[in-house]
């Protein structure tokens, strides 16, 4: 079984020897589809929403991996419990409707998490590259790991001001335009240092080559020590390379299990670089709270 290439925001042409970012892509708007590596464990729910990726443009692509926009309007009394295994990242969002706050900072997650969706609402968000929080002048990372924090003026005035300016724009693409401009200004004022650039390049590589194993040989490809990679990732995402690689790999496991006719765990484990099927099962259960088999059966139950 060949693992299909279905990555979002991965570097195109990503030599490990260069600690930097890929070329800035042109603006694009694409539907978030069930068959891609989105981290949404029940991708059939995406049909309920108006969900789109919006590509950052210009220098902003060095700190923003992707923008995304979701709009929903559910009947009265209907609720969706959406479980997500997201990529370790800091996300800045502007939200309306039945939401936590109008401006939100969501930190990297070490486990799957659940968002309850009801009523009607709208979210425009920017998923940052590892360097993004430092460049944009955000809050201290330790307060964000496994947290959802209202981006109020007292806690994080820089982020609050940025999101308030972006939120004045009339529609998602206009908001992306404003965010692009403000991010470019921040890059001029606070360009990422070597550790931040290394973290960006490492995560881009792990996203692009989901089978990669971390450790000394992996770090050698960037011309640095394993310890240097660990420090760069912990300072920007609060997690080590093994945990980040595991999360990205689990997103691919979930994507494959949610697809039609793919249920051979031993072959998936081999293709994705797990030691064996047992390691895949343990990793999946530890992160999501259920086994791959139970997850697959839950999908089949929803389809029937």
C-alpha atoms as a PDB file:
ATOM      1  CA  UNK A   1       0.000   0.000   0.000  1.00  0.00           C
ATOM      2  CA  UNK A   2       1.466   3.312  -1.052  1.00  0.00           C
ATOM      3  CA  UNK A   3       0.646   6.204   1.279  1.00  0.00           C
ATOM      4  CA  UNK A   4      -0.887   8.977  -0.865  1.00  0.00           C
ATOM      5  CA  UNK A   5       0.573  12.465  -0.600  1.00  0.00           C
ATOM      6  CA  UNK A   6      -2.139  14.563   1.052  1.00  0.00           C
ATOM      7  CA  UNK A   7      -0.363  17.180   3.093  1.00  0.00           C
ATOM      8  CA  UNK A   8      -1.349  20.753   3.784  1.00  0.00           C
ATOM      9  CA  UNK A   9       1.234  23.507   4.056  1.00  0.00           C
ATOM     10  CA  UNK A  10       4.208  21.184   3.443  1.00  0.00           C
ATOM     11  CA  UNK A  11       7.349  22.597   1.918  1.00  0.00           C
ATOM     12  CA  UNK A  12       7.810  21.955  -1.783  1.00  0.00           C
ATOM     13  CA  UNK A  13      11.470  21.307  -2.321  1.00  0.00           C
ATOM     14  CA  UNK A  14      12.802  21.187   1.220  1.00  0.00           C
ATOM     15  CA  UNK A  15      16.530  20.426   1.356  1.00  0.00           C
ATOM     16  CA  UNK A  16      17.441  19.761   4.966  1.00  0.00           C
ATOM     17  CA  UNK A  17      20.748  21.523   4.608  1.00  0.00           C
ATOM     18  CA  UNK A  18      18.977  24.890   4.283  1.00  0.00           C
ATOM     19  CA  UNK A  19      17.430  26.182   7.482  1.00  0.00           C
ATOM     20  CA  UNK A  20      14.811  28.418   5.878  1.00  0.00           C
ATOM     21  CA  UNK A  21      11.374  28.419   4.363  1.00  0.00           C
ATOM     22  CA  UNK A  22       9.927  27.537   0.996  1.00  0.00           C
ATOM     23  CA  UNK A  23       8.959  30.030  -1.673  1.00  0.00           C
ATOM     24  CA  UNK A  24       5.946  32.125  -0.777  1.00  0.00           C
ATOM     25  CA  UNK A  25       2.906  30.721  -2.607  1.00  0.00           C
ATOM     26  CA  UNK A  26       0.364  32.788  -4.463  1.00  0.00           C
ATOM     27  CA  UNK A  27      -3.010  33.327  -2.817  1.00  0.00           C
ATOM     28  CA  UNK A  28      -5.291  30.353  -3.082  1.00  0.00           C
ATOM     29  CA  UNK A  29      -8.637  29.449  -1.520  1.00  0.00           C
ATOM     30  CA  UNK A  30      -9.476  25.761  -1.274  1.00  0.00           C
ATOM     31  CA  UNK A  31     -12.224  23.740   0.329  1.00  0.00           C
ATOM     32  CA  UNK A  32     -11.139  21.741   3.390  1.00  0.00           C
ATOM     33  CA  UNK A  33     -11.904  18.245   2.161  1.00  0.00           C
ATOM     34  CA  UNK A  34     -12.576  15.062   4.080  1.00  0.00           C
ATOM     35  CA  UNK A  35      -9.758  13.191   2.340  1.00  0.00           C
ATOM     36  CA  UNK A  36      -6.859  15.388   3.451  1.00  0.00           C
ATOM     37  CA  UNK A  37      -4.711  15.550   6.558  1.00  0.00           C
ATOM     38  CA  UNK A  38      -6.768  18.108   8.499  1.00  0.00           C
ATOM     39  CA  UNK A  39      -6.779  16.367  11.890  1.00  0.00           C
ATOM     40  CA  UNK A  40     -10.594  16.286  11.984  1.00  0.00           C
ATOM     41  CA  UNK A  41     -11.381  12.792  13.276  1.00  0.00           C
ATOM     42  CA  UNK A  42     -14.912  12.732  11.856  1.00  0.00           C
ATOM     43  CA  UNK A  43     -14.350  14.377   8.467  1.00  0.00           C
ATOM     44  CA  UNK A  44     -17.954  13.832   7.401  1.00  0.00           C
ATOM     45  CA  UNK A  45     -18.744  16.798   9.678  1.00  0.00           C
ATOM     46  CA  UNK A  46     -16.912  19.047   7.202  1.00  0.00           C
ATOM     47  CA  UNK A  47     -19.922  18.722   4.909  1.00  0.00           C
ATOM     48  CA  UNK A  48     -21.937  20.600   7.542  1.00  0.00           C
ATOM     49  CA  UNK A  49     -19.647  23.628   7.426  1.00  0.00           C
ATOM     50  CA  UNK A  50     -18.400  26.138   4.928  1.00  0.00           C
ATOM     51  CA  UNK A  51     -14.702  25.377   5.518  1.00  0.00           C
ATOM     52  CA  UNK A  52     -11.823  26.804   3.491  1.00  0.00           C
ATOM     53  CA  UNK A  53      -8.037  27.063   3.509  1.00  0.00           C
ATOM     54  CA  UNK A  54      -6.633  30.455   2.467  1.00  0.00           C
ATOM     55  CA  UNK A  55      -2.973  30.610   1.470  1.00  0.00           C
ATOM     56  CA  UNK A  56      -0.788  33.356   2.986  1.00  0.00           C
ATOM     57  CA  UNK A  57       0.872  35.623   0.452  1.00  0.00           C
ATOM     58  CA  UNK A  58       4.203  37.449   0.381  1.00  0.00           C
ATOM     59  CA  UNK A  59       6.527  37.548   3.427  1.00  0.00           C
ATOM     60  CA  UNK A  60       3.643  36.484   5.701  1.00  0.00           C
ATOM     61  CA  UNK A  61       4.151  32.920   4.455  1.00  0.00           C
ATOM     62  CA  UNK A  62       7.325  32.813   6.529  1.00  0.00           C
ATOM     63  CA  UNK A  63       5.326  32.977   9.772  1.00  0.00           C
ATOM     64  CA  UNK A  64       1.811  31.832   8.785  1.00  0.00           C
ATOM     65  CA  UNK A  65       1.487  28.270   7.546  1.00  0.00           C
ATOM     66  CA  UNK A  66      -2.130  28.694   6.474  1.00  0.00           C
ATOM     67  CA  UNK A  67      -5.251  30.692   7.144  1.00  0.00           C
ATOM     68  CA  UNK A  68      -8.535  28.864   7.496  1.00  0.00           C
ATOM     69  CA  UNK A  69     -12.134  29.982   7.623  1.00  0.00           C
ATOM     70  CA  UNK A  70     -15.193  28.086   8.857  1.00  0.00           C
ATOM     71  CA  UNK A  71     -18.813  29.226   8.901  1.00  0.00           C
ATOM     72  CA  UNK A  72     -21.692  27.182  10.297  1.00  0.00           C
ATOM     73  CA  UNK A  73     -25.435  27.447  10.930  1.00  0.00           C
ATOM     74  CA  UNK A  74     -26.937  24.468  12.748  1.00  0.00           C
ATOM     75  CA  UNK A  75     -30.641  23.937  13.487  1.00  0.00           C
ATOM     76  CA  UNK A  76     -31.834  24.828  16.981  1.00  0.00           C
ATOM     77  CA  UNK A  77     -30.821  22.182  19.492  1.00  0.00           C
ATOM     78  CA  UNK A  78     -28.282  20.479  17.218  1.00  0.00           C
ATOM     79  CA  UNK A  79     -24.722  20.149  18.510  1.00  0.00           C
ATOM     80  CA  UNK A  80     -21.610  18.618  16.986  1.00  0.00           C
ATOM     81  CA  UNK A  81     -18.840  17.298  19.211  1.00  0.00           C
ATOM     82  CA  UNK A  82     -15.849  17.564  16.890  1.00  0.00           C
ATOM     83  CA  UNK A  83     -12.699  15.689  17.941  1.00  0.00           C
ATOM     84  CA  UNK A  84      -9.464  17.048  16.503  1.00  0.00           C
ATOM     85  CA  UNK A  85      -5.890  15.761  16.397  1.00  0.00           C
ATOM     86  CA  UNK A  86      -4.301  18.957  15.213  1.00  0.00           C
ATOM     87  CA  UNK A  87      -0.752  19.708  14.189  1.00  0.00           C
ATOM     88  CA  UNK A  88       1.306  21.209  17.042  1.00  0.00           C
ATOM     89  CA  UNK A  89       1.070  24.936  16.371  1.00  0.00           C
ATOM     90  CA  UNK A  90      -0.133  28.221  17.794  1.00  0.00           C
ATOM     91  CA  UNK A  91      -3.337  29.431  16.151  1.00  0.00           C
ATOM     92  CA  UNK A  92      -4.742  32.968  16.292  1.00  0.00           C
ATOM     93  CA  UNK A  93      -8.454  33.287  15.579  1.00  0.00           C
ATOM     94  CA  UNK A  94     -11.275  35.796  15.227  1.00  0.00           C
ATOM     95  CA  UNK A  95     -14.558  34.177  16.235  1.00  0.00           C
ATOM     96  CA  UNK A  96     -18.255  35.023  16.374  1.00  0.00           C
ATOM     97  CA  UNK A  97     -21.364  33.195  17.529  1.00  0.00           C
ATOM     98  CA  UNK A  98     -21.343  30.574  20.304  1.00  0.00           C
ATOM     99  CA  UNK A  99     -17.580  30.840  20.915  1.00  0.00           C
ATOM    100  CA  UNK A 100     -15.094  31.267  23.758  1.00  0.00           C
ATOM    101  CA  UNK A 101     -14.155  34.872  22.940  1.00  0.00           C
ATOM    102  CA  UNK A 102     -13.990  37.191  19.909  1.00  0.00           C
ATOM    103  CA  UNK A 103     -10.177  36.956  19.762  1.00  0.00           C
ATOM    104  CA  UNK A 104      -8.475  33.700  20.756  1.00  0.00           C
ATOM    105  CA  UNK A 105      -4.987  32.218  20.994  1.00  0.00           C
ATOM    106  CA  UNK A 106      -4.938  28.415  20.890  1.00  0.00           C
ATOM    107  CA  UNK A 107      -1.714  26.727  21.926  1.00  0.00           C
ATOM    108  CA  UNK A 108      -0.108  23.467  20.829  1.00  0.00           C
ATOM    109  CA  UNK A 109      -2.003  20.380  22.045  1.00  0.00           C
ATOM    110  CA  UNK A 110      -0.419  17.206  23.358  1.00  0.00           C
ATOM    111  CA  UNK A 111      -3.647  15.195  23.044  1.00  0.00           C
ATOM    112  CA  UNK A 112      -6.731  15.182  20.897  1.00  0.00           C
ATOM    113  CA  UNK A 113      -9.298  17.781  21.924  1.00  0.00           C
ATOM    114  CA  UNK A 114     -13.004  18.342  21.388  1.00  0.00           C
ATOM    115  CA  UNK A 115     -14.774  21.462  20.175  1.00  0.00           C
ATOM    116  CA  UNK A 116     -18.532  21.698  20.620  1.00  0.00           C
ATOM    117  CA  UNK A 117     -20.262  23.461  17.723  1.00  0.00           C
ATOM    118  CA  UNK A 118     -23.809  24.780  17.971  1.00  0.00           C
ATOM    119  CA  UNK A 119     -26.008  27.582  16.691  1.00  0.00           C
ATOM    120  CA  UNK A 120     -24.340  29.737  14.054  1.00  0.00           C
ATOM    121  CA  UNK A 121     -20.884  31.169  13.965  1.00  0.00           C
ATOM    122  CA  UNK A 122     -17.780  32.090  12.059  1.00  0.00           C
ATOM    123  CA  UNK A 123     -14.034  31.628  12.612  1.00  0.00           C
ATOM    124  CA  UNK A 124     -11.133  33.123  10.697  1.00  0.00           C
ATOM    125  CA  UNK A 125      -7.815  31.740  11.922  1.00  0.00           C
ATOM    126  CA  UNK A 126      -4.104  31.822  11.207  1.00  0.00           C
ATOM    127  CA  UNK A 127      -2.085  28.707  11.993  1.00  0.00           C
ATOM    128  CA  UNK A 128       1.402  29.980  12.702  1.00  0.00           C
ATOM    129  CA  UNK A 129       4.723  28.421  11.900  1.00  0.00           C
ATOM    130  CA  UNK A 130       6.863  27.767  14.982  1.00  0.00           C
ATOM    131  CA  UNK A 131       8.561  31.166  14.637  1.00  0.00           C
ATOM    132  CA  UNK A 132       5.258  33.006  14.307  1.00  0.00           C
ATOM    133  CA  UNK A 133       4.486  33.737  17.944  1.00  0.00           C
ATOM    134  CA  UNK A 134       7.852  35.399  18.570  1.00  0.00           C
ATOM    135  CA  UNK A 135       7.663  37.408  15.358  1.00  0.00           C
ATOM    136  CA  UNK A 136       4.145  38.662  16.042  1.00  0.00           C
ATOM    137  CA  UNK A 137       4.968  39.555  19.647  1.00  0.00           C
ATOM    138  CA  UNK A 138       2.678  37.091  21.372  1.00  0.00           C
ATOM    139  CA  UNK A 139       2.260  35.806  24.902  1.00  0.00           C
ATOM    140  CA  UNK A 140       4.782  33.534  26.617  1.00  0.00           C
ATOM    141  CA  UNK A 141       4.624  30.009  25.211  1.00  0.00           C
ATOM    142  CA  UNK A 142       4.398  28.106  28.557  1.00  0.00           C
ATOM    143  CA  UNK A 143       0.975  29.652  29.210  1.00  0.00           C
ATOM    144  CA  UNK A 144      -0.327  28.359  25.863  1.00  0.00           C
ATOM    145  CA  UNK A 145       0.534  24.643  25.761  1.00  0.00           C
ATOM    146  CA  UNK A 146      -2.771  22.721  25.937  1.00  0.00           C
ATOM    147  CA  UNK A 147      -4.642  26.011  26.428  1.00  0.00           C
ATOM    148  CA  UNK A 148      -7.226  28.213  24.736  1.00  0.00           C
ATOM    149  CA  UNK A 149      -6.651  31.798  25.842  1.00  0.00           C
ATOM    150  CA  UNK A 150      -8.821  34.860  25.101  1.00  0.00           C
ATOM    151  CA  UNK A 151      -6.533  37.354  23.354  1.00  0.00           C
ATOM    152  CA  UNK A 152      -7.551  40.339  25.444  1.00  0.00           C
ATOM    153  CA  UNK A 153      -5.674  43.608  25.641  1.00  0.00           C
ATOM    154  CA  UNK A 154      -4.390  42.951  29.169  1.00  0.00           C
ATOM    155  CA  UNK A 155      -2.910  39.490  28.522  1.00  0.00           C
ATOM    156  CA  UNK A 156      -1.449  39.978  25.049  1.00  0.00           C
ATOM    157  CA  UNK A 157      -1.841  43.540  23.758  1.00  0.00           C
ATOM    158  CA  UNK A 158       0.211  42.924  20.597  1.00  0.00           C
ATOM    159  CA  UNK A 159      -1.871  39.976  19.442  1.00  0.00           C
ATOM    160  CA  UNK A 160      -5.085  41.689  20.532  1.00  0.00           C
ATOM    161  CA  UNK A 161      -4.260  44.749  18.429  1.00  0.00           C
ATOM    162  CA  UNK A 162      -3.341  42.635  15.419  1.00  0.00           C
ATOM    163  CA  UNK A 163      -6.546  40.561  15.567  1.00  0.00           C
ATOM    164  CA  UNK A 164      -8.696  43.639  16.123  1.00  0.00           C
ATOM    165  CA  UNK A 165      -7.215  45.242  12.994  1.00  0.00           C
ATOM    166  CA  UNK A 166      -7.709  42.055  10.968  1.00  0.00           C
ATOM    167  CA  UNK A 167     -11.268  41.675  12.277  1.00  0.00           C
ATOM    168  CA  UNK A 168     -12.298  45.030  10.798  1.00  0.00           C
ATOM    169  CA  UNK A 169     -11.912  43.605   7.282  1.00  0.00           C
ATOM    170  CA  UNK A 170     -15.156  42.665   5.575  1.00  0.00           C
ATOM    171  CA  UNK A 171     -14.562  39.030   4.537  1.00  0.00           C
ATOM    172  CA  UNK A 172     -12.061  36.164   4.992  1.00  0.00           C
ATOM    173  CA  UNK A 173      -9.870  37.037   2.001  1.00  0.00           C
ATOM    174  CA  UNK A 174      -9.746  40.685   3.016  1.00  0.00           C
ATOM    175  CA  UNK A 175      -8.784  39.570   6.519  1.00  0.00           C
ATOM    176  CA  UNK A 176      -5.991  37.475   5.039  1.00  0.00           C
ATOM    177  CA  UNK A 177      -4.793  40.552   3.137  1.00  0.00           C
ATOM    178  CA  UNK A 178      -4.629  42.617   6.332  1.00  0.00           C
ATOM    179  CA  UNK A 179      -2.921  39.808   8.247  1.00  0.00           C
ATOM    180  CA  UNK A 180      -0.369  39.452   5.439  1.00  0.00           C
ATOM    181  CA  UNK A 181       0.464  43.141   5.646  1.00  0.00           C
ATOM    182  CA  UNK A 182       0.765  43.225   9.441  1.00  0.00           C
ATOM    183  CA  UNK A 183       2.822  40.028   9.544  1.00  0.00           C
ATOM    184  CA  UNK A 184       5.224  41.480   6.973  1.00  0.00           C
ATOM    185  CA  UNK A 185       5.703  44.559   9.163  1.00  0.00           C
ATOM    186  CA  UNK A 186       6.360  42.378  12.210  1.00  0.00           C
ATOM    187  CA  UNK A 187       8.974  40.421  10.250  1.00  0.00           C
ATOM    188  CA  UNK A 188      10.836  43.657   9.543  1.00  0.00           C
ATOM    189  CA  UNK A 189      10.741  44.624  13.223  1.00  0.00           C
ATOM    190  CA  UNK A 190      11.384  41.176  14.749  1.00  0.00           C
ATOM    191  CA  UNK A 191      12.894  38.774  12.200  1.00  0.00           C
ATOM    192  CA  UNK A 192      13.198  35.191  13.436  1.00  0.00           C
ATOM    193  CA  UNK A 193      16.516  34.120  14.880  1.00  0.00           C
ATOM    194  CA  UNK A 194      18.453  30.913  14.122  1.00  0.00           C
ATOM    195  CA  UNK A 195      16.466  28.786  16.589  1.00  0.00           C
ATOM    196  CA  UNK A 196      13.129  29.937  15.197  1.00  0.00           C
ATOM    197  CA  UNK A 197      14.242  29.351  11.600  1.00  0.00           C
ATOM    198  CA  UNK A 198      15.490  25.903  12.520  1.00  0.00           C
ATOM    199  CA  UNK A 199      12.157  25.046  14.172  1.00  0.00           C
ATOM    200  CA  UNK A 200      10.288  26.203  11.062  1.00  0.00           C
ATOM    201  CA  UNK A 201      12.441  24.050   8.799  1.00  0.00           C
ATOM    202  CA  UNK A 202      12.228  20.967  11.035  1.00  0.00           C
ATOM    203  CA  UNK A 203       8.430  21.055  11.245  1.00  0.00           C
ATOM    204  CA  UNK A 204       8.139  21.670   7.484  1.00  0.00           C
ATOM    205  CA  UNK A 205      10.293  18.601   6.895  1.00  0.00           C
ATOM    206  CA  UNK A 206       8.255  16.435   9.264  1.00  0.00           C
ATOM    207  CA  UNK A 207       5.029  17.529   7.563  1.00  0.00           C
ATOM    208  CA  UNK A 208       6.433  16.882   4.095  1.00  0.00           C
ATOM    209  CA  UNK A 209       7.999  13.511   4.942  1.00  0.00           C
ATOM    210  CA  UNK A 210       5.626  12.011   7.479  1.00  0.00           C
ATOM    211  CA  UNK A 211       7.634   8.784   7.709  1.00  0.00           C
ATOM    212  CA  UNK A 212      10.783  10.578   8.934  1.00  0.00           C
ATOM    213  CA  UNK A 213      12.214   9.476  12.265  1.00  0.00           C
ATOM    214  CA  UNK A 214      13.708  12.031  14.607  1.00  0.00           C
ATOM    215  CA  UNK A 215      17.043  11.658  16.404  1.00  0.00           C
ATOM    216  CA  UNK A 216      20.678  12.327  15.669  1.00  0.00           C
ATOM    217  CA  UNK A 217      20.612  11.294  11.961  1.00  0.00           C
ATOM    218  CA  UNK A 218      17.609  13.563  11.378  1.00  0.00           C
ATOM    219  CA  UNK A 219      19.343  16.503  13.077  1.00  0.00           C
ATOM    220  CA  UNK A 220      22.500  15.833  11.054  1.00  0.00           C
ATOM    221  CA  UNK A 221      20.509  16.638   7.920  1.00  0.00           C
ATOM    222  CA  UNK A 222      20.151  20.208   9.198  1.00  0.00           C
ATOM    223  CA  UNK A 223      23.805  20.448  10.172  1.00  0.00           C
ATOM    224  CA  UNK A 224      23.035  20.710  13.909  1.00  0.00           C
ATOM    225  CA  UNK A 225      22.964  18.435  16.955  1.00  0.00           C
ATOM    226  CA  UNK A 226      19.933  16.534  18.168  1.00  0.00           C
ATOM    227  CA  UNK A 227      19.949  18.693  21.287  1.00  0.00           C
ATOM    228  CA  UNK A 228      19.840  21.870  19.181  1.00  0.00           C
ATOM    229  CA  UNK A 229      16.723  20.605  17.383  1.00  0.00           C
ATOM    230  CA  UNK A 230      15.101  19.743  20.703  1.00  0.00           C
ATOM    231  CA  UNK A 231      15.800  23.195  22.147  1.00  0.00           C
ATOM    232  CA  UNK A 232      14.503  24.967  19.033  1.00  0.00           C
ATOM    233  CA  UNK A 233      11.200  23.082  19.089  1.00  0.00           C
ATOM    234  CA  UNK A 234      10.657  23.349  22.834  1.00  0.00           C
ATOM    235  CA  UNK A 235      11.278  27.089  22.756  1.00  0.00           C
ATOM    236  CA  UNK A 236       8.754  27.642  19.951  1.00  0.00           C
ATOM    237  CA  UNK A 237       6.154  24.881  20.438  1.00  0.00           C
ATOM    238  CA  UNK A 238       6.739  23.570  23.947  1.00  0.00           C
ATOM    239  CA  UNK A 239       7.174  20.029  22.602  1.00  0.00           C
ATOM    240  CA  UNK A 240      10.097  17.902  21.492  1.00  0.00           C
ATOM    241  CA  UNK A 241      10.666  16.536  17.981  1.00  0.00           C
ATOM    242  CA  UNK A 242       9.476  13.014  18.824  1.00  0.00           C
ATOM    243  CA  UNK A 243       6.105  14.281  20.084  1.00  0.00           C
ATOM    244  CA  UNK A 244       5.649  16.573  17.084  1.00  0.00           C
ATOM    245  CA  UNK A 245       6.541  13.830  14.590  1.00  0.00           C
ATOM    246  CA  UNK A 246       4.147  11.459  16.367  1.00  0.00           C
ATOM    247  CA  UNK A 247       1.275  13.930  16.114  1.00  0.00           C
ATOM    248  CA  UNK A 248       1.831  14.541  12.404  1.00  0.00           C
ATOM    249  CA  UNK A 249       2.034  10.797  11.801  1.00  0.00           C
ATOM    250  CA  UNK A 250      -1.212  10.230  13.723  1.00  0.00           C
ATOM    251  CA  UNK A 251      -2.965  12.777  11.536  1.00  0.00           C
ATOM    252  CA  UNK A 252      -1.988  10.614   8.578  1.00  0.00           C
ATOM    253  CA  UNK A 253      -3.158   7.446  10.355  1.00  0.00           C
ATOM    254  CA  UNK A 254      -6.546   9.052  10.995  1.00  0.00           C
ATOM    255  CA  UNK A 255      -6.777  10.247   7.396  1.00  0.00           C
ATOM    256  CA  UNK A 256      -6.086   6.774   6.060  1.00  0.00           C
ATOM    257  CA  UNK A 257      -8.508   5.049   8.437  1.00  0.00           C
ATOM    258  CA  UNK A 258     -11.242   7.528   7.483  1.00  0.00           C
ATOM    259  CA  UNK A 259     -10.780   6.726   3.796  1.00  0.00           C
ATOM    260  CA  UNK A 260     -12.579   3.952   1.945  1.00  0.00           C
ATOM    261  CA  UNK A 261     -11.183   0.430   2.049  1.00  0.00           C
ATOM    262  CA  UNK A 262      -8.106   1.098   4.192  1.00  0.00           C
ATOM    263  CA  UNK A 263      -8.129  -0.950   7.407  1.00  0.00           C
ATOM    264  CA  UNK A 264      -4.907  -2.992   7.395  1.00  0.00           C
ATOM    265  CA  UNK A 265      -3.153  -1.541  10.454  1.00  0.00           C
ATOM    266  CA  UNK A 266      -0.020  -3.632   9.973  1.00  0.00           C
ATOM    267  CA  UNK A 267       0.541  -2.225   6.494  1.00  0.00           C
ATOM    268  CA  UNK A 268      -0.235   1.341   7.615  1.00  0.00           C
ATOM    269  CA  UNK A 269       2.239   0.935  10.480  1.00  0.00           C
ATOM    270  CA  UNK A 270       4.941  -0.300   8.121  1.00  0.00           C
ATOM    271  CA  UNK A 271       4.352   2.461   5.573  1.00  0.00           C
ATOM    272  CA  UNK A 272       4.469   5.195   8.224  1.00  0.00           C
ATOM    273  CA  UNK A 273       7.609   3.961   9.948  1.00  0.00           C
ATOM    274  CA  UNK A 274       6.168   2.504  13.151  1.00  0.00           C
ATOM    275  CA  UNK A 275       8.141  -0.340  14.709  1.00  0.00           C
ATOM    276  CA  UNK A 276       5.033  -2.519  14.441  1.00  0.00           C
ATOM    277  CA  UNK A 277       1.244  -2.435  14.606  1.00  0.00           C
ATOM    278  CA  UNK A 278       1.218  -2.487  18.426  1.00  0.00           C
ATOM    279  CA  UNK A 279       3.164   0.779  18.558  1.00  0.00           C
ATOM    280  CA  UNK A 280       0.663   2.421  16.193  1.00  0.00           C
ATOM    281  CA  UNK A 281      -2.277   1.248  18.311  1.00  0.00           C
ATOM    282  CA  UNK A 282      -0.660   2.457  21.540  1.00  0.00           C
ATOM    283  CA  UNK A 283       0.215   5.852  20.067  1.00  0.00           C
ATOM    284  CA  UNK A 284      -3.274   6.339  18.634  1.00  0.00           C
ATOM    285  CA  UNK A 285      -5.041   5.320  21.845  1.00  0.00           C
ATOM    286  CA  UNK A 286      -2.788   7.473  24.044  1.00  0.00           C
ATOM    287  CA  UNK A 287      -3.551  10.568  21.957  1.00  0.00           C
ATOM    288  CA  UNK A 288      -7.233  10.081  21.060  1.00  0.00           C
ATOM    289  CA  UNK A 289      -8.538   7.916  23.905  1.00  0.00           C
ATOM    290  CA  UNK A 290      -9.766   5.155  21.567  1.00  0.00           C
ATOM    291  CA  UNK A 291      -8.138   2.391  19.535  1.00  0.00           C
ATOM    292  CA  UNK A 292      -7.838   2.599  15.743  1.00  0.00           C
ATOM    293  CA  UNK A 293     -10.365  -0.243  15.480  1.00  0.00           C
ATOM    294  CA  UNK A 294     -12.910   1.601  17.617  1.00  0.00           C
ATOM    295  CA  UNK A 295     -12.311   4.744  15.608  1.00  0.00           C
ATOM    296  CA  UNK A 296     -12.885   2.901  12.352  1.00  0.00           C
ATOM    297  CA  UNK A 297     -16.111   1.357  13.697  1.00  0.00           C
ATOM    298  CA  UNK A 298     -17.358   4.794  14.808  1.00  0.00           C
ATOM    299  CA  UNK A 299     -16.875   6.043  11.261  1.00  0.00           C
ATOM    300  CA  UNK A 300     -18.712   3.058   9.808  1.00  0.00           C
ATOM    301  CA  UNK A 301     -21.578   3.662  12.247  1.00  0.00           C
ATOM    302  CA  UNK A 302     -21.962   7.264  11.114  1.00  0.00           C
ATOM    303  CA  UNK A 303     -21.928   6.264   7.452  1.00  0.00           C
ATOM    304  CA  UNK A 304     -24.619   3.592   7.845  1.00  0.00           C
END
